[in-house]
Amino acid sequence: MFAVDLLGFGKSPKPTDGLYTIEDHIDMIEISVLKPFQVNSFHIVAHSMGCVIALALAAKYPQMVKSVTLVAAPYFPSTTRAKASETTLNRLAERKIWPPFLFGASVMSWYEHLGRTICFLVCRNHLTWEWIIKLVTRRDVHFMMIDLTKHTHHSAWHTMHNVICGAANSMDEYLKVMKIAGNTI
């Protein structure tokens, strides 16, 4: 069993020369898992943003995939292929100021320069944030908080836009390939 994390997140590689596209993620899975361990068939279980990458991987290797299980997949059907990215962005990051989580998603997605600046400050200074949290709570920092602050600014920004929004117009094609191959989704 292999647990693959998104590039740039947690302890996974953080390449500085890529744009964290679906192809970048799939290439890293091929290089780090499929080829070195000579994987010939596999089941895929994915969550959230990883679902998009999992479907792309399954569509690339439909003969090797036994089944695909997707949990909380960011899939939003659109009436036209050209509007798929916009539909996805509108569904994931509505322009709202309340509750705070939706406001944060809105700023990160729609107000690009402000969102990138915030992302840069949080990610670039992750050790400082972890120290402050530890000081205030007087406890070790939970691994999820460490993972949240450890993403690189580059990976967090590009993965959201290039994987979820960028692949929105390809999701139906990935699903068709899987259906034609007779795989269970």
C-alpha atoms as a PDB file:
ATOM      1  CA  MET A   1       0.000   0.000   0.000  1.00  0.00           C
ATOM      2  CA  PHE A   2       1.269   3.448  -0.944  1.00  0.00           C
ATOM      3  CA  ALA A   3      -0.033   6.735   0.467  1.00  0.00           C
ATOM      4  CA  VAL A   4       0.770   9.446  -2.050  1.00  0.00           C
ATOM      5  CA  ASP A   5       0.515  13.076  -0.998  1.00  0.00           C
ATOM      6  CA  LEU A   6       0.201  16.067  -3.314  1.00  0.00           C
ATOM      7  CA  LEU A   7       3.460  17.577  -4.486  1.00  0.00           C
ATOM      8  CA  GLY A   8       4.628  20.331  -2.171  1.00  0.00           C
ATOM      9  CA  PHE A   9       2.366  19.269   0.688  1.00  0.00           C
ATOM     10  CA  GLY A  10       3.475  17.647   3.921  1.00  0.00           C
ATOM     11  CA  LYS A  11       6.762  15.794   3.464  1.00  0.00           C
ATOM     12  CA  SER A  12       6.380  15.214  -0.278  1.00  0.00           C
ATOM     13  CA  PRO A  13       8.870  16.718  -2.766  1.00  0.00           C
ATOM     14  CA  LYS A  14       8.573  20.464  -3.357  1.00  0.00           C
ATOM     15  CA  PRO A  15       9.897  21.138  -6.853  1.00  0.00           C
ATOM     16  CA  THR A  16      10.509  24.812  -7.542  1.00  0.00           C
ATOM     17  CA  ASP A  17      10.667  24.532 -11.326  1.00  0.00           C
ATOM     18  CA  GLY A  18       7.171  23.205 -12.029  1.00  0.00           C
ATOM     19  CA  LEU A  19       3.673  24.608 -12.059  1.00  0.00           C
ATOM     20  CA  TYR A  20       2.188  21.672 -10.136  1.00  0.00           C
ATOM     21  CA  THR A  21      -0.015  20.609 -13.025  1.00  0.00           C
ATOM     22  CA  ILE A  22      -1.796  17.275 -13.213  1.00  0.00           C
ATOM     23  CA  GLU A  23       1.030  16.075 -15.450  1.00  0.00           C
ATOM     24  CA  ASP A  24       3.597  17.068 -12.784  1.00  0.00           C
ATOM     25  CA  HIS A  25       1.690  15.107 -10.134  1.00  0.00           C
ATOM     26  CA  ILE A  26       1.295  12.040 -12.360  1.00  0.00           C
ATOM     27  CA  ASP A  27       4.959  12.156 -13.393  1.00  0.00           C
ATOM     28  CA  MET A  28       5.986  12.143  -9.733  1.00  0.00           C
ATOM     29  CA  ILE A  29       3.709   9.167  -8.995  1.00  0.00           C
ATOM     30  CA  GLU A  30       5.221   7.301 -11.944  1.00  0.00           C
ATOM     31  CA  ILE A  31       8.788   8.154 -10.899  1.00  0.00           C
ATOM     32  CA  SER A  32       8.369   7.484  -7.180  1.00  0.00           C
ATOM     33  CA  VAL A  33       5.869   4.606  -7.079  1.00  0.00           C
ATOM     34  CA  LEU A  34       4.847   2.895 -10.313  1.00  0.00           C
ATOM     35  CA  LYS A  35       8.266   2.402 -11.942  1.00  0.00           C
ATOM     36  CA  PRO A  36      10.537   1.691  -8.962  1.00  0.00           C
ATOM     37  CA  PHE A  37       8.096  -0.803  -7.427  1.00  0.00           C
ATOM     38  CA  GLN A  38       7.061  -2.258 -10.809  1.00  0.00           C
ATOM     39  CA  VAL A  39       3.366  -1.799 -10.085  1.00  0.00           C
ATOM     40  CA  ASN A  40       1.304  -3.629 -12.714  1.00  0.00           C
ATOM     41  CA  SER A  41      -2.160  -3.287 -11.234  1.00  0.00           C
ATOM     42  CA  PHE A  42      -3.637  -1.244  -8.433  1.00  0.00           C
ATOM     43  CA  HIS A  43      -6.708   0.131  -6.701  1.00  0.00           C
ATOM     44  CA  ILE A  44      -6.938   3.885  -6.173  1.00  0.00           C
ATOM     45  CA  VAL A  45      -8.512   5.632  -3.193  1.00  0.00           C
ATOM     46  CA  ALA A  46      -8.400   9.423  -3.262  1.00  0.00           C
ATOM     47  CA  HIS A  47      -9.778  12.357  -1.319  1.00  0.00           C
ATOM     48  CA  SER A  48     -10.669  15.918  -2.325  1.00  0.00           C
ATOM     49  CA  MET A  49      -8.115  17.455  -4.707  1.00  0.00           C
ATOM     50  CA  GLY A  50      -6.392  14.085  -4.987  1.00  0.00           C
ATOM     51  CA  CYS A  51      -9.513  12.758  -6.746  1.00  0.00           C
ATOM     52  CA  VAL A  52      -8.725  14.827  -9.829  1.00  0.00           C
ATOM     53  CA  ILE A  53      -5.180  13.449  -9.946  1.00  0.00           C
ATOM     54  CA  ALA A  54      -6.430   9.924  -9.251  1.00  0.00           C
ATOM     55  CA  LEU A  55      -8.875  10.085 -12.166  1.00  0.00           C
ATOM     56  CA  ALA A  56      -6.178  11.422 -14.486  1.00  0.00           C
ATOM     57  CA  LEU A  57      -3.829   8.616 -13.405  1.00  0.00           C
ATOM     58  CA  ALA A  58      -6.567   6.024 -13.850  1.00  0.00           C
ATOM     59  CA  ALA A  59      -7.414   7.404 -17.303  1.00  0.00           C
ATOM     60  CA  LYS A  60      -3.744   7.184 -18.286  1.00  0.00           C
ATOM     61  CA  TYR A  61      -3.468   3.558 -17.091  1.00  0.00           C
ATOM     62  CA  PRO A  62      -7.006   2.139 -17.426  1.00  0.00           C
ATOM     63  CA  GLN A  63      -5.735  -1.435 -17.972  1.00  0.00           C
ATOM     64  CA  MET A  64      -3.792  -1.369 -14.699  1.00  0.00           C
ATOM     65  CA  VAL A  65      -6.541   0.094 -12.485  1.00  0.00           C
ATOM     66  CA  LYS A  66      -8.776  -2.406 -10.680  1.00  0.00           C
ATOM     67  CA  SER A  67     -11.055   0.170  -9.034  1.00  0.00           C
ATOM     68  CA  VAL A  68     -11.266   3.842  -8.149  1.00  0.00           C
ATOM     69  CA  THR A  69     -12.782   5.160  -4.921  1.00  0.00           C
ATOM     70  CA  LEU A  70     -13.255   8.926  -4.724  1.00  0.00           C
ATOM     71  CA  VAL A  71     -14.161  10.725  -1.500  1.00  0.00           C
ATOM     72  CA  ALA A  72     -15.381  14.339  -1.647  1.00  0.00           C
ATOM     73  CA  ALA A  73     -14.329  14.798  -5.267  1.00  0.00           C
ATOM     74  CA  PRO A  74     -14.406  18.400  -6.526  1.00  0.00           C
ATOM     75  CA  TYR A  75     -16.489  17.579  -9.593  1.00  0.00           C
ATOM     76  CA  PHE A  76     -18.967  20.156 -10.825  1.00  0.00           C
ATOM     77  CA  PRO A  77     -20.561  19.358 -14.193  1.00  0.00           C
ATOM     78  CA  SER A  78     -20.749  22.299 -16.552  1.00  0.00           C
ATOM     79  CA  THR A  79     -22.956  22.917 -19.546  1.00  0.00           C
ATOM     80  CA  THR A  80     -19.984  23.710 -21.763  1.00  0.00           C
ATOM     81  CA  ARG A  81     -16.358  22.642 -21.705  1.00  0.00           C
ATOM     82  CA  ALA A  82     -15.183  26.237 -21.944  1.00  0.00           C
ATOM     83  CA  LYS A  83     -17.009  27.184 -18.736  1.00  0.00           C
ATOM     84  CA  ALA A  84     -15.942  24.150 -16.672  1.00  0.00           C
ATOM     85  CA  SER A  85     -13.089  25.942 -14.886  1.00  0.00           C
ATOM     86  CA  GLU A  86     -15.255  28.962 -14.126  1.00  0.00           C
ATOM     87  CA  THR A  87     -18.086  26.753 -12.850  1.00  0.00           C
ATOM     88  CA  THR A  88     -15.679  24.904 -10.585  1.00  0.00           C
ATOM     89  CA  LEU A  89     -14.147  28.100  -9.229  1.00  0.00           C
ATOM     90  CA  ASN A  90     -17.606  29.573  -8.569  1.00  0.00           C
ATOM     91  CA  ARG A  91     -18.701  26.451  -6.692  1.00  0.00           C
ATOM     92  CA  LEU A  92     -15.517  26.099  -4.623  1.00  0.00           C
ATOM     93  CA  ALA A  93     -14.967  29.739  -3.802  1.00  0.00           C
ATOM     94  CA  GLU A  94     -18.154  31.702  -3.736  1.00  0.00           C
ATOM     95  CA  ARG A  95     -17.618  35.426  -3.276  1.00  0.00           C
ATOM     96  CA  LYS A  96     -18.798  35.620   0.319  1.00  0.00           C
ATOM     97  CA  ILE A  97     -17.525  37.320   3.437  1.00  0.00           C
ATOM     98  CA  TRP A  98     -19.245  35.043   5.948  1.00  0.00           C
ATOM     99  CA  PRO A  99     -18.462  32.486   7.320  1.00  0.00           C
ATOM    100  CA  PRO A 100     -14.713  33.161   7.614  1.00  0.00           C
ATOM    101  CA  PHE A 101     -13.721  29.949   5.802  1.00  0.00           C
ATOM    102  CA  LEU A 102     -15.684  30.989   2.695  1.00  0.00           C
ATOM    103  CA  PHE A 103     -14.202  34.473   2.887  1.00  0.00           C
ATOM    104  CA  GLY A 104     -10.698  32.942   2.991  1.00  0.00           C
ATOM    105  CA  ALA A 105     -11.447  30.723  -0.002  1.00  0.00           C
ATOM    106  CA  SER A 106     -12.867  33.707  -1.872  1.00  0.00           C
ATOM    107  CA  VAL A 107      -9.804  35.873  -1.226  1.00  0.00           C
ATOM    108  CA  MET A 108      -7.407  33.062  -2.194  1.00  0.00           C
ATOM    109  CA  SER A 109      -9.263  32.325  -5.419  1.00  0.00           C
ATOM    110  CA  TRP A 110     -10.650  35.584  -6.733  1.00  0.00           C
ATOM    111  CA  TYR A 111      -8.323  38.272  -5.437  1.00  0.00           C
ATOM    112  CA  GLU A 112      -5.192  36.777  -6.884  1.00  0.00           C
ATOM    113  CA  HIS A 113      -2.493  39.155  -5.704  1.00  0.00           C
ATOM    114  CA  LEU A 114      -3.853  39.444  -2.182  1.00  0.00           C
ATOM    115  CA  GLY A 115      -4.357  35.684  -1.995  1.00  0.00           C
ATOM    116  CA  ARG A 116      -0.822  34.966  -3.210  1.00  0.00           C
ATOM    117  CA  THR A 117       0.611  37.417  -0.695  1.00  0.00           C
ATOM    118  CA  ILE A 118      -1.259  35.784   2.200  1.00  0.00           C
ATOM    119  CA  CYS A 119      -0.247  32.334   0.995  1.00  0.00           C
ATOM    120  CA  PHE A 120       3.358  33.453   0.678  1.00  0.00           C
ATOM    121  CA  LEU A 121       3.410  34.918   4.211  1.00  0.00           C
ATOM    122  CA  VAL A 122       1.836  31.851   5.814  1.00  0.00           C
ATOM    123  CA  CYS A 123       3.829  29.243   3.908  1.00  0.00           C
ATOM    124  CA  ARG A 124       7.164  31.041   3.837  1.00  0.00           C
ATOM    125  CA  ASN A 125       7.093  31.614   7.591  1.00  0.00           C
ATOM    126  CA  HIS A 126       5.707  28.242   8.650  1.00  0.00           C
ATOM    127  CA  LEU A 127       8.301  27.750  11.401  1.00  0.00           C
ATOM    128  CA  THR A 128       7.349  31.088  12.969  1.00  0.00           C
ATOM    129  CA  TRP A 129       3.637  30.221  12.843  1.00  0.00           C
ATOM    130  CA  GLU A 130       4.301  26.824  14.401  1.00  0.00           C
ATOM    131  CA  TRP A 131       6.350  28.472  17.188  1.00  0.00           C
ATOM    132  CA  ILE A 132       3.576  31.016  17.890  1.00  0.00           C
ATOM    133  CA  ILE A 133       0.906  28.306  17.978  1.00  0.00           C
ATOM    134  CA  LYS A 134       3.031  26.203  20.344  1.00  0.00           C
ATOM    135  CA  LEU A 135       3.647  29.243  22.567  1.00  0.00           C
ATOM    136  CA  VAL A 136      -0.045  30.205  22.734  1.00  0.00           C
ATOM    137  CA  THR A 137      -1.480  26.705  23.182  1.00  0.00           C
ATOM    138  CA  ARG A 138       1.413  25.349  25.283  1.00  0.00           C
ATOM    139  CA  ARG A 139       1.139  22.085  23.358  1.00  0.00           C
ATOM    140  CA  ASP A 140       2.898  20.441  20.484  1.00  0.00           C
ATOM    141  CA  VAL A 141       1.534  21.610  17.182  1.00  0.00           C
ATOM    142  CA  HIS A 142      -0.930  19.147  15.626  1.00  0.00           C
ATOM    143  CA  PHE A 143       0.405  17.498  12.469  1.00  0.00           C
ATOM    144  CA  MET A 144      -2.469  18.928  10.417  1.00  0.00           C
ATOM    145  CA  MET A 145      -1.450  22.474  11.334  1.00  0.00           C
ATOM    146  CA  ILE A 146       2.154  21.683  10.445  1.00  0.00           C
ATOM    147  CA  ASP A 147       1.043  20.287   7.084  1.00  0.00           C
ATOM    148  CA  LEU A 148      -1.124  23.341   6.446  1.00  0.00           C
ATOM    149  CA  THR A 149       1.707  25.773   7.050  1.00  0.00           C
ATOM    150  CA  LYS A 150       4.453  23.688   5.443  1.00  0.00           C
ATOM    151  CA  HIS A 151       3.148  23.803   1.892  1.00  0.00           C
ATOM    152  CA  THR A 152       5.271  25.930  -0.257  1.00  0.00           C
ATOM    153  CA  HIS A 153       3.642  29.097  -1.510  1.00  0.00           C
ATOM    154  CA  HIS A 154       4.291  27.826  -5.015  1.00  0.00           C
ATOM    155  CA  SER A 155       2.674  24.414  -4.513  1.00  0.00           C
ATOM    156  CA  ALA A 156      -0.387  25.625  -2.628  1.00  0.00           C
ATOM    157  CA  TRP A 157      -1.246  28.276  -5.168  1.00  0.00           C
ATOM    158  CA  HIS A 158      -0.527  26.357  -8.361  1.00  0.00           C
ATOM    159  CA  THR A 159      -2.023  23.056  -7.239  1.00  0.00           C
ATOM    160  CA  MET A 160      -5.379  24.661  -6.489  1.00  0.00           C
ATOM    161  CA  HIS A 161      -5.560  26.508  -9.779  1.00  0.00           C
ATOM    162  CA  ASN A 162      -3.855  24.010 -12.085  1.00  0.00           C
ATOM    163  CA  VAL A 163      -5.316  20.802 -10.690  1.00  0.00           C
ATOM    164  CA  ILE A 164      -8.863  21.611  -9.616  1.00  0.00           C
ATOM    165  CA  CYS A 165      -9.731  24.461 -11.970  1.00  0.00           C
ATOM    166  CA  GLY A 166      -7.335  23.517 -14.760  1.00  0.00           C
ATOM    167  CA  ALA A 167      -8.591  19.954 -15.016  1.00  0.00           C
ATOM    168  CA  ALA A 168     -12.270  20.774 -14.676  1.00  0.00           C
ATOM    169  CA  ASN A 169     -12.768  20.501 -18.421  1.00  0.00           C
ATOM    170  CA  SER A 170     -11.041  17.083 -18.493  1.00  0.00           C
ATOM    171  CA  MET A 171     -12.994  15.360 -15.705  1.00  0.00           C
ATOM    172  CA  ASP A 172     -15.739  14.066 -18.015  1.00  0.00           C
ATOM    173  CA  GLU A 173     -13.104  12.649 -20.393  1.00  0.00           C
ATOM    174  CA  TYR A 174     -11.343  10.870 -17.520  1.00  0.00           C
ATOM    175  CA  LEU A 175     -14.650   9.348 -16.436  1.00  0.00           C
ATOM    176  CA  LYS A 176     -15.434   8.217 -20.006  1.00  0.00           C
ATOM    177  CA  VAL A 177     -12.067   6.462 -20.298  1.00  0.00           C
ATOM    178  CA  MET A 178     -12.740   4.646 -17.036  1.00  0.00           C
ATOM    179  CA  LYS A 179     -16.234   3.633 -18.146  1.00  0.00           C
ATOM    180  CA  ILE A 180     -14.978   2.373 -21.505  1.00  0.00           C
ATOM    181  CA  ALA A 181     -12.260   0.367 -19.749  1.00  0.00           C
ATOM    182  CA  GLY A 182     -14.975  -1.163 -17.539  1.00  0.00           C
ATOM    183  CA  ASN A 183     -13.434   0.014 -14.288  1.00  0.00           C
ATOM    184  CA  THR A 184     -15.468   0.386 -11.115  1.00  0.00           C
ATOM    185  CA  ILE A 185     -15.830   3.947  -9.838  1.00  0.00           C
END
